[in-house]
Each structure stands twice: as structure tokens, then as C-alpha cells.
Protein backbone atom coordinates (compact mmCIF):
# COMPACT_ATOMS: atom_id res chain seq x y z
CA UNK A 1 1.60 -7.13 -23.49
CA UNK A 2 4.66 -5.70 -21.73
CA UNK A 3 5.78 -4.78 -18.24
CA UNK A 4 4.45 -1.41 -17.09
CA UNK A 5 7.41 -0.75 -14.80
CA UNK A 6 10.32 -3.13 -15.45
CA UNK A 7 13.20 -3.22 -12.99
CA UNK A 8 15.90 -0.68 -13.84
CA UNK A 9 19.64 -0.72 -13.19
CA UNK A 10 20.60 1.66 -10.36
CA UNK A 11 23.21 2.47 -7.74
CA UNK A 12 22.44 2.67 -4.03
CA UNK A 13 23.39 6.23 -3.01
CA UNK A 14 23.95 5.11 0.58
CA UNK A 15 26.55 2.44 -0.23
CA UNK A 16 27.53 2.79 -3.89
CA UNK A 17 26.44 -0.81 -4.53
CA UNK A 18 25.11 -1.66 -7.98
CA UNK A 19 21.86 -3.45 -8.55
CA UNK A 20 18.30 -2.78 -9.63
CA UNK A 21 15.35 -0.67 -8.56
CA UNK A 22 12.35 -2.95 -8.21
CA UNK A 23 8.72 -1.77 -8.31
CA UNK A 24 6.09 -3.40 -6.10
CA UNK A 25 2.49 -3.18 -4.81
CA UNK A 26 1.18 -0.77 -7.51
CA UNK A 27 -2.14 1.05 -7.20
CA UNK A 28 -3.78 2.73 -10.23
CA UNK A 29 -6.72 5.13 -10.17
CA UNK A 30 -8.58 7.32 -12.72
CA UNK A 31 -9.03 10.97 -11.75
CA UNK A 32 -12.35 12.16 -13.14
CA UNK A 33 -12.40 15.85 -14.11
CA UNK A 34 -15.32 17.57 -12.34
CA UNK A 35 -15.65 19.96 -15.31
CA UNK A 36 -16.05 17.15 -17.79
CA UNK A 37 -12.48 17.24 -19.07
CA UNK A 38 -10.43 14.18 -19.98
CA UNK A 39 -9.75 11.60 -17.31
CA UNK A 40 -6.17 11.34 -16.03
CA UNK A 41 -4.68 8.29 -14.39
CA UNK A 42 -2.51 8.34 -11.30
CA UNK A 43 -0.22 5.52 -10.27
CA UNK A 44 1.44 4.83 -6.92
CA UNK A 45 4.01 2.14 -6.24
CA UNK A 46 6.74 1.11 -3.83
CA UNK A 47 10.27 1.48 -5.21
CA UNK A 48 13.21 -0.28 -3.55
CA UNK A 49 16.78 -1.30 -4.31
CA UNK A 50 17.82 -4.91 -4.82
CA UNK A 51 21.63 -5.41 -4.78
CA UNK A 52 23.09 -7.34 -7.70
CA UNK A 53 23.23 -11.02 -6.82
CA UNK A 54 21.24 -10.46 -3.61
CA UNK A 55 17.88 -11.82 -2.51
CA UNK A 56 14.76 -9.89 -1.56
CA UNK A 57 15.89 -10.14 2.05
CA UNK A 58 18.89 -7.94 1.18
CA UNK A 59 16.76 -4.94 0.21
CA UNK A 60 17.98 -1.99 2.30
CA UNK A 61 15.24 -0.17 4.19
CA UNK A 62 16.87 3.12 3.26
CA UNK A 63 15.81 2.52 -0.35
CA UNK A 64 12.06 2.18 0.35
CA UNK A 65 10.16 5.09 -1.16
CA UNK A 66 6.77 5.75 -2.76
CA UNK A 67 6.70 6.83 -6.41
CA UNK A 68 3.71 8.74 -7.84
CA UNK A 69 3.03 9.68 -11.44
CA UNK A 70 0.15 10.68 -13.75
CA UNK A 71 -0.62 10.04 -17.42
CA UNK A 72 -3.49 10.14 -19.90
CA UNK A 73 -3.98 6.37 -19.74
CA UNK A 74 -2.65 3.43 -17.70
CA UNK A 75 -0.18 2.31 -20.39
CA UNK A 76 1.45 5.75 -20.46
CA UNK A 77 2.20 5.62 -16.73
CA UNK A 78 5.24 3.54 -17.65
CA UNK A 79 6.82 6.55 -19.35
CA UNK A 80 5.76 9.17 -16.80
CA UNK A 81 8.37 10.82 -14.56
CA UNK A 82 7.60 9.94 -10.92
CA UNK A 83 7.76 12.18 -7.88
CA UNK A 84 9.29 10.45 -4.84
CA UNK A 85 7.78 10.47 -1.34
CA UNK A 86 10.03 9.24 1.46
CA UNK A 87 10.10 8.45 5.16
CA UNK A 88 12.42 9.12 8.06
CA UNK A 89 14.47 6.11 6.94
CA UNK A 90 14.71 6.91 3.22
CA UNK A 91 18.11 8.00 1.99
CA UNK A 92 17.62 11.46 0.40
CA UNK A 93 19.89 10.36 -2.45
CA UNK A 94 16.85 8.61 -3.93
CA UNK A 95 15.59 12.03 -5.10
CA UNK A 96 13.05 12.37 -2.32
CA UNK A 97 10.79 15.36 -2.99
CA UNK A 98 8.72 15.13 0.21
CA UNK A 99 9.47 13.38 3.51
CA UNK A 100 5.95 12.49 4.64
CA UNK A 101 7.16 11.72 8.17
CA UNK A 102 8.00 15.42 8.59
CA UNK A 103 4.32 16.35 8.31
CA UNK A 104 3.41 15.29 11.86
CA UNK A 105 5.38 14.40 15.03
CA UNK A 106 3.59 11.05 15.39
CA UNK A 107 5.11 9.88 12.09
CA UNK A 108 8.79 10.09 13.04
CA UNK A 109 8.70 6.40 14.03
CA UNK A 110 7.80 5.40 10.45
CA UNK A 111 11.08 3.95 9.21
CA UNK A 112 9.51 3.06 5.88
CA UNK A 113 6.27 3.29 3.91
CA UNK A 114 4.64 0.45 2.03
CA UNK A 115 1.39 -0.68 0.39
CA UNK A 116 0.05 2.55 -1.19
CA UNK A 117 -3.72 2.84 -1.69
CA UNK A 118 -5.42 5.67 -3.58
CA UNK A 119 -8.92 7.18 -3.46
CA UNK A 120 -10.28 10.27 -5.22
CA UNK A 121 -13.29 12.15 -3.88
CA UNK A 122 -14.54 15.71 -4.27
CA UNK A 123 -11.37 16.91 -5.96
CA UNK A 124 -9.13 15.50 -3.22
CA UNK A 125 -6.70 12.65 -3.79
CA UNK A 126 -6.13 10.50 -0.71
CA UNK A 127 -3.02 8.37 -0.31
CA UNK A 128 -3.04 5.75 2.45
CA UNK A 129 0.23 4.06 3.41
CA UNK A 130 1.40 1.48 5.87
CA UNK A 131 3.82 2.98 8.38
CA UNK A 132 6.29 0.30 9.46
CA UNK A 133 8.81 1.00 12.24
CA UNK A 134 11.92 -1.16 11.85
CA UNK A 135 14.61 -1.73 14.47
CA UNK A 136 17.60 -3.97 15.00
CA UNK A 137 15.40 -7.02 15.64
CA UNK A 138 13.22 -6.46 12.59
CA UNK A 139 9.81 -4.90 11.86
CA UNK A 140 7.76 -3.70 14.83
CA UNK A 141 4.39 -4.79 13.43
CA UNK A 142 2.62 -3.98 16.70
CA UNK A 143 3.55 -0.32 16.29
CA UNK A 144 2.67 -0.21 12.59
CA UNK A 145 -0.33 1.74 11.35
CA UNK A 146 -2.21 2.92 8.28
CA UNK A 147 -1.74 6.66 7.78
CA UNK A 148 -3.65 8.90 5.36
CA UNK A 149 -2.41 11.90 3.37
CA UNK A 150 -4.31 14.23 1.02
CA UNK A 151 -3.61 16.61 -1.84
CA UNK A 152 -5.40 18.54 -4.58
CA UNK A 153 -4.01 16.83 -7.70
CA UNK A 154 -3.73 19.95 -9.87
CA UNK A 155 -0.90 20.16 -12.37
CA UNK A 156 2.10 17.86 -12.29
CA UNK A 157 2.65 15.60 -9.25
CA UNK A 158 5.87 17.51 -8.51
CA UNK A 159 3.69 20.54 -7.71
CA UNK A 160 1.29 18.75 -5.37
CA UNK A 161 1.32 19.75 -1.71
CA UNK A 162 0.61 16.93 0.71
CA UNK A 163 -1.21 17.30 4.04
CA UNK A 164 -1.45 14.73 6.81
CA UNK A 165 -5.08 13.68 7.39
CA UNK A 166 -4.55 11.25 10.26
CA UNK A 167 -4.40 7.60 11.25
CA UNK A 168 -6.98 5.22 9.81
CA UNK A 169 -6.01 2.17 11.88
CA UNK A 170 -3.34 0.87 14.23
CA UNK A 171 -2.64 -2.00 16.62
CA UNK A 172 -6.04 -1.83 18.38
CA UNK A 173 -7.93 -2.36 15.12
CA UNK A 174 -5.49 -5.07 14.01
CA UNK A 175 -5.91 -6.92 17.29
CA UNK A 176 -9.68 -6.77 16.92
CA UNK A 177 -9.24 -8.52 13.55
CA UNK A 178 -6.83 -11.18 14.80
CA UNK A 179 -3.45 -9.66 13.95
CA UNK A 180 -0.70 -7.43 15.31
CA UNK A 181 -0.83 -5.03 12.37
CA UNK A 182 -2.76 -4.33 9.18
CA UNK A 183 -1.17 -4.42 5.74
CA UNK A 184 -1.95 -4.56 2.01
CA UNK A 185 -4.69 -1.94 2.14
CA UNK A 186 -6.93 -1.54 -0.89
CA UNK A 187 -9.60 1.18 -1.02
CA UNK A 188 -12.67 0.38 -3.12
CA UNK A 189 -16.35 1.23 -3.31
CA UNK A 190 -19.05 -1.37 -2.73
CA UNK A 191 -21.95 -1.67 -5.15
CA UNK A 192 -24.04 0.44 -2.76
CA UNK A 193 -21.42 3.20 -2.83
CA UNK A 194 -19.95 2.54 0.63
CA UNK A 195 -16.20 3.08 0.80
CA UNK A 196 -14.42 -0.13 1.79
CA UNK A 197 -10.98 -0.90 3.18
CA UNK A 198 -9.69 -4.34 2.22
CA UNK A 199 -6.90 -5.21 4.66
CA UNK A 200 -4.74 -8.16 5.67
CA UNK A 201 -4.09 -8.66 9.40
CA UNK A 202 -0.52 -9.83 9.89
CA UNK A 203 2.24 -10.49 12.41
CA UNK A 204 6.01 -10.86 12.21
CA UNK A 205 7.26 -14.40 12.89
CA UNK A 206 10.71 -14.14 14.49
CA UNK A 207 11.59 -17.77 13.77
CA UNK A 208 10.44 -17.73 10.14
CA UNK A 209 11.78 -14.19 9.62
CA UNK A 210 8.68 -13.48 7.59
CA UNK A 211 5.27 -11.82 7.78
CA UNK A 212 2.40 -14.21 8.49
CA UNK A 213 -0.98 -13.27 7.00
CA UNK A 214 -4.49 -14.33 8.04
CA UNK A 215 -6.54 -13.58 4.92
CA UNK A 216 -8.66 -10.56 4.01
CA UNK A 217 -10.99 -8.45 6.12
CA UNK A 218 -13.33 -6.06 4.28
CA UNK A 219 -14.24 -3.08 6.44
CA UNK A 220 -16.49 -0.05 6.03
CA UNK A 221 -14.72 3.32 6.06
CA UNK A 222 -16.52 6.20 7.73
CA UNK A 223 -14.14 8.95 6.58
CA UNK A 224 -10.75 9.56 4.98
CA UNK A 225 -10.65 13.34 5.47
CA UNK A 226 -10.85 12.65 9.22
CA UNK A 227 -9.72 9.03 9.01
CA UNK A 228 -12.04 6.58 10.77
CA UNK A 229 -13.19 3.04 10.21
CA UNK A 230 -16.93 2.58 10.71
CA UNK A 231 -18.25 0.84 13.83
CA UNK A 232 -21.66 -0.58 14.68
CA UNK A 233 -23.89 0.26 17.63
CA UNK A 234 -21.88 -2.16 19.80
CA UNK A 235 -18.62 -0.42 18.97
CA UNK A 236 -17.30 -3.24 16.78
CA UNK A 237 -15.72 -2.65 13.38
CA UNK A 238 -18.20 -3.01 10.53
CA UNK A 239 -16.85 -6.09 8.72
CA UNK A 240 -18.53 -6.65 5.35
CA UNK A 241 -16.68 -9.86 4.46
CA UNK A 242 -13.85 -12.17 5.48
CA UNK A 243 -11.92 -14.04 2.79
CA UNK A 244 -9.27 -16.70 3.27
CA UNK A 245 -8.00 -19.92 1.67
CA UNK A 246 -8.90 -23.46 2.72
CA UNK A 247 -5.38 -24.80 2.10
CA UNK A 248 -3.50 -22.47 4.44
CA UNK A 249 0.24 -22.84 4.82
CA UNK A 250 2.35 -21.34 7.59
CA UNK A 251 2.56 -17.92 5.90
CA UNK A 252 -1.12 -17.52 5.06
CA UNK A 253 -2.89 -15.77 2.15
CA UNK A 254 -3.23 -12.04 1.84
CA UNK A 255 -3.64 -9.07 -0.48
CA UNK A 256 -6.80 -8.49 -2.44
CA UNK A 257 -8.65 -6.10 -4.67
CA UNK A 258 -12.21 -5.40 -5.74
CA UNK A 259 -14.02 -3.75 -8.65
CA UNK A 260 -17.80 -3.58 -8.07
CA UNK A 261 -18.67 -3.65 -11.78
CA UNK A 262 -16.81 -6.94 -12.33
CA UNK A 263 -18.58 -10.23 -11.64
CA UNK A 264 -15.32 -11.70 -10.32
CA UNK A 265 -15.97 -10.26 -6.86
CA UNK A 266 -13.10 -9.89 -4.43
CA UNK A 267 -9.78 -11.15 -5.80
CA UNK A 268 -7.62 -12.97 -3.24
CA UNK A 269 -3.91 -13.55 -3.64
CA UNK A 270 -2.65 -16.86 -2.32
CA UNK A 271 1.10 -17.00 -1.71
CA UNK A 272 3.41 -19.95 -1.18
CA UNK A 273 6.93 -19.22 0.06
CA UNK A 274 9.50 -21.96 -0.30
CA UNK A 275 13.12 -22.60 -1.16
CA UNK A 276 12.40 -21.55 -4.73
CA UNK A 277 11.03 -18.18 -3.67
CA UNK A 278 7.53 -16.74 -3.74
CA UNK A 279 4.77 -18.27 -5.87
CA UNK A 280 1.66 -16.08 -6.02
CA UNK A 281 -1.72 -16.93 -7.56
CA UNK A 282 -4.89 -14.86 -7.94
CA UNK A 283 -8.33 -16.30 -7.18
CA UNK A 284 -11.73 -14.78 -7.91
CA UNK A 285 -14.28 -15.38 -5.15
CA UNK A 286 -17.58 -14.06 -6.52
CA UNK A 287 -18.01 -12.24 -3.19
CA UNK A 288 -19.47 -8.73 -3.43
CA UNK A 289 -19.26 -7.12 0.01
């Protein structure tokens, strides 16, 4: 076993500082050929710069960008050349091929992208990202949102043309679920075929200088091509499941994934942040939403 994407030495084009490019929050998905051809795999991840000798808190927002690549199998994604998708805050020196915030006027507030989630349906590849505005006082979680983009994944990723599909969720949906924003999106199908959005409601704690999570909410998705979360006859979001931890600390648990064919059910990540850094652990729940 080896690391799929190990950190690599790099230089920040904005400052000339030396350090490493770190890879976070990966999402992997098989692309089934409608004509019966071989399956390809697509990977999406967040890339960012960590200055030498610095902590995670020193990561410059101008280095946040989304990397996409394809390969014949998951292991080969580590050797694939990525195409870089940026935001209004990404320094173009990071080889940005497409600035997604230029695709619609409502996206110019998106200082950075995070938490990529992929879904493939009817020959269209959907990429959902968290838009996070950041100002002098920190992240504006209340103005964050989950935005959806689409492409026909034909040929190399460098040749893909991205279109803006719309907003899947924003502050109103987050507030309904007990947070200021929604993060750590995972798109998965339930055993009955319903498309699900697994999200973590969160808020920014000014005193802690950290995001506080409230566990997982599993929601039904009505559409990604015209992004909408499903609602019931009373107008409430269709919540399939809620997952949290009994031993909550001040930062809360968050992030999860789900594979309907696995008996593990929803996987919840519990995180503990202390003086020694972040300690994360994965927990199977047996819950099938």
C-alpha cells in the first residue's frame, strides 16, 4: 500500500516561498461507458500550498484549487496529469485552466472552492463544490453555498468544457439543518436508487478560529442538472438520516461517505483537534438511508 497523492515540493507563485503542495478531500468515481467500453476513473481533490515550517493555518487562500484527472483504474490516478480549476481568489500561477467563478456573475464572491463531489449520469459528469467567501475577518460561512458544474467527460480532462448548472444549497438550507453553511458534500445513491447528498452543517467560531460541525445530514436530491434538494409536501427538506457522535467535543464530528453495496452503511468521520493537531477516525454505522 502506498500514498495515492503524496505531498510534493513546490514554490508559491504569489510569494516565492518554498513548501509543499498538499492534497485533501479526494473524491473518486468510475465513469461507465454507455457503449460497453472499459470503465475509466475520475478523481477530484483540493490542492493547496503549505509553507515550509508552517502549520495548516498558514495555507494561503490563493493556493486553493481543484485538481481533476482520469485513469484506467484508481491506482493509476496517482500518475495522471491533473487539470486545474480555480476561483476568483486562486493565483493563476498555479496553472489554472478554468476559473469556474467566471462562468456566472453570482460566483464572483467565491474566494475559494473546497470539498469536491462527483456524480455521473446519462453521459454527464457533475462536479459539486463548496463556494467559500473569505474576507479580512475569516470565512463568511453564512454566504457559503454548494454550487454545481457539469461537463461531457469526452477525451482528456484538459479538453472538457464546464458549464454552470446552478446552486444546490445555501444559507437557507443550512439554517434549516441547524448550521450557517453546508460543507463536506458527498453524492451517493441509496439502495432504492435515490440520489443522496450527505452534508455537514457547520459554522465558523470566531473565538476558536475553527469550523464547528454538527454531524451528518443525509438529504434526497431532486436534480443536479437543475440543482434542487427534494422537499416533502410540507416544504421541508427530505432528510433520510441524521448521524452524529455521542462523545461530542467543541468542534463536532463531520464528513461521511456511503456505498450502498457495502454492509458498513454510512461512514462517519470523528475528529479531535488539540495541541497535537488533528486526529481523525472513521466509524461504520450500519445505517442505510
